[in-house]
C-alpha atoms as a PDB file:
ATOM      1  CA  MET A   1       0.000   0.000   0.000  1.00  0.00           C
ATOM      2  CA  SER A   2       1.125   3.586  -0.443  1.00  0.00           C
ATOM      3  CA  LEU A   3       1.637   6.245   2.200  1.00  0.00           C
ATOM      4  CA  LEU A   4      -1.664   7.777   1.062  1.00  0.00           C
ATOM      5  CA  ASP A   5      -3.447   4.764   2.604  1.00  0.00           C
ATOM      6  CA  ALA A   6      -1.738   5.088   6.003  1.00  0.00           C
ATOM      7  CA  LEU A   7      -3.700   5.768   9.165  1.00  0.00           C
ATOM      8  CA  HIS A   8      -2.675   8.780  11.233  1.00  0.00           C
ATOM      9  CA  ASN A   9      -0.242   8.195  14.111  1.00  0.00           C
ATOM     10  CA  GLU A  10       0.437   4.577  13.109  1.00  0.00           C
ATOM     11  CA  TRP A  11       4.011   3.513  12.370  1.00  0.00           C
ATOM     12  CA  TYR A  12       4.816   1.816   9.060  1.00  0.00           C
ATOM     13  CA  ARG A  13       7.986   0.498   7.439  1.00  0.00           C
ATOM     14  CA  VAL A  14       9.020   1.855   4.040  1.00  0.00           C
ATOM     15  CA  GLU A  15       9.143  -0.895   1.387  1.00  0.00           C
ATOM     16  CA  GLY A  16      10.310   1.277  -1.494  1.00  0.00           C
ATOM     17  CA  VAL A  17      10.298   4.682  -3.131  1.00  0.00           C
ATOM     18  CA  ALA A  18       9.270   5.207  -6.768  1.00  0.00           C
ATOM     19  CA  GLY A  19       8.738   8.313  -8.912  1.00  0.00           C
ATOM     20  CA  PRO A  20      10.884  10.406 -11.235  1.00  0.00           C
ATOM     21  CA  ASP A  21      14.609   9.974 -10.565  1.00  0.00           C
ATOM     22  CA  ASP A  22      15.289  13.494  -9.263  1.00  0.00           C
ATOM     23  CA  GLU A  23      12.286  13.509  -6.927  1.00  0.00           C
ATOM     24  CA  ARG A  24      12.948   9.942  -5.801  1.00  0.00           C
ATOM     25  CA  ARG A  25      16.533  10.929  -4.947  1.00  0.00           C
ATOM     26  CA  ARG A  26      15.222  13.901  -2.915  1.00  0.00           C
ATOM     27  CA  LEU A  27      12.976  11.621  -0.839  1.00  0.00           C
ATOM     28  CA  LEU A  28      15.853   9.216  -0.234  1.00  0.00           C
ATOM     29  CA  ASP A  29      18.118  12.136   0.773  1.00  0.00           C
ATOM     30  CA  LEU A  30      15.466  13.252   3.271  1.00  0.00           C
ATOM     31  CA  GLY A  31      15.730   9.867   4.991  1.00  0.00           C
ATOM     32  CA  ILE A  32      12.745   8.073   3.491  1.00  0.00           C
ATOM     33  CA  THR A  33      14.637   4.907   2.681  1.00  0.00           C
ATOM     34  CA  PRO A  34      13.576   1.243   2.479  1.00  0.00           C
ATOM     35  CA  GLY A  35      13.397  -0.265   5.961  1.00  0.00           C
ATOM     36  CA  GLU A  36      12.926   3.072   7.734  1.00  0.00           C
ATOM     37  CA  GLU A  37       9.862   3.601   9.939  1.00  0.00           C
ATOM     38  CA  LEU A  38       7.554   6.571   9.476  1.00  0.00           C
ATOM     39  CA  ALA A  39       4.131   7.811  10.538  1.00  0.00           C
ATOM     40  CA  VAL A  40       1.637  10.323   9.135  1.00  0.00           C
ATOM     41  CA  VAL A  41       1.154  12.805  11.985  1.00  0.00           C
ATOM     42  CA  GLN A  42      -0.875  15.552  10.330  1.00  0.00           C
ATOM     43  CA  SER A  43      -2.785  16.421   7.188  1.00  0.00           C
ATOM     44  CA  VAL A  44      -4.880  19.362   6.089  1.00  0.00           C
ATOM     45  CA  PRO A  45      -8.567  18.954   5.151  1.00  0.00           C
ATOM     46  CA  LEU A  46      -7.856  18.612   1.418  1.00  0.00           C
ATOM     47  CA  GLY A  47      -4.974  16.230   2.150  1.00  0.00           C
ATOM     48  CA  ASP A  48      -2.109  18.246   0.674  1.00  0.00           C
ATOM     49  CA  PRO A  49       0.456  18.320   2.223  1.00  0.00           C
ATOM     50  CA  LEU A  50       0.856  15.364   4.559  1.00  0.00           C
ATOM     51  CA  VAL A  51       3.194  15.777   7.511  1.00  0.00           C
ATOM     52  CA  VAL A  52       5.179  12.647   8.313  1.00  0.00           C
ATOM     53  CA  MET A  53       7.537  11.805  11.154  1.00  0.00           C
ATOM     54  CA  VAL A  54      10.687  10.016  10.024  1.00  0.00           C
ATOM     55  CA  ARG A  55      14.076   9.737  11.756  1.00  0.00           C
ATOM     56  CA  GLY A  56      12.923  12.105  14.511  1.00  0.00           C
ATOM     57  CA  MET A  57      11.956  14.938  12.160  1.00  0.00           C
ATOM     58  CA  ARG A  58       8.738  16.146  10.580  1.00  0.00           C
ATOM     59  CA  LEU A  59       8.567  16.425   6.808  1.00  0.00           C
ATOM     60  CA  ALA A  60       5.802  17.886   4.647  1.00  0.00           C
ATOM     61  CA  LEU A  61       5.115  15.804   1.536  1.00  0.00           C
ATOM     62  CA  ARG A  62       2.840  16.490  -1.410  1.00  0.00           C
ATOM     63  CA  ARG A  63       0.153  13.882  -2.067  1.00  0.00           C
ATOM     64  CA  ARG A  64       1.831  12.825  -5.305  1.00  0.00           C
ATOM     65  CA  GLU A  65       5.123  12.265  -3.430  1.00  0.00           C
ATOM     66  CA  ALA A  66       3.320  10.261  -0.744  1.00  0.00           C
ATOM     67  CA  GLY A  67       1.833   8.074  -3.483  1.00  0.00           C
ATOM     68  CA  TRP A  68       5.336   7.053  -4.576  1.00  0.00           C
ATOM     69  CA  ILE A  69       6.199   5.693  -1.112  1.00  0.00           C
ATOM     70  CA  SER A  70       5.156   2.081  -0.574  1.00  0.00           C
ATOM     71  CA  ILE A  71       4.747   0.950   3.025  1.00  0.00           C
ATOM     72  CA  GLN A  72       3.896  -2.172   4.991  1.00  0.00           C
END
């Protein structure tokens, strides 16, 4: 499933990151790497952006970026 399907405040493990090479590299550089745990901690009413907690920091991700992140 993708990060878009995640429940709030539940921890998930990243399975993989897809998307265009430059944007995929940016997500990996931010610490969203396979095996890492993350949680969706906040979203706005329309769902864009999502705020995720990963490696002790909060990151804001666009919905399309969140769709590239597969979790388990």
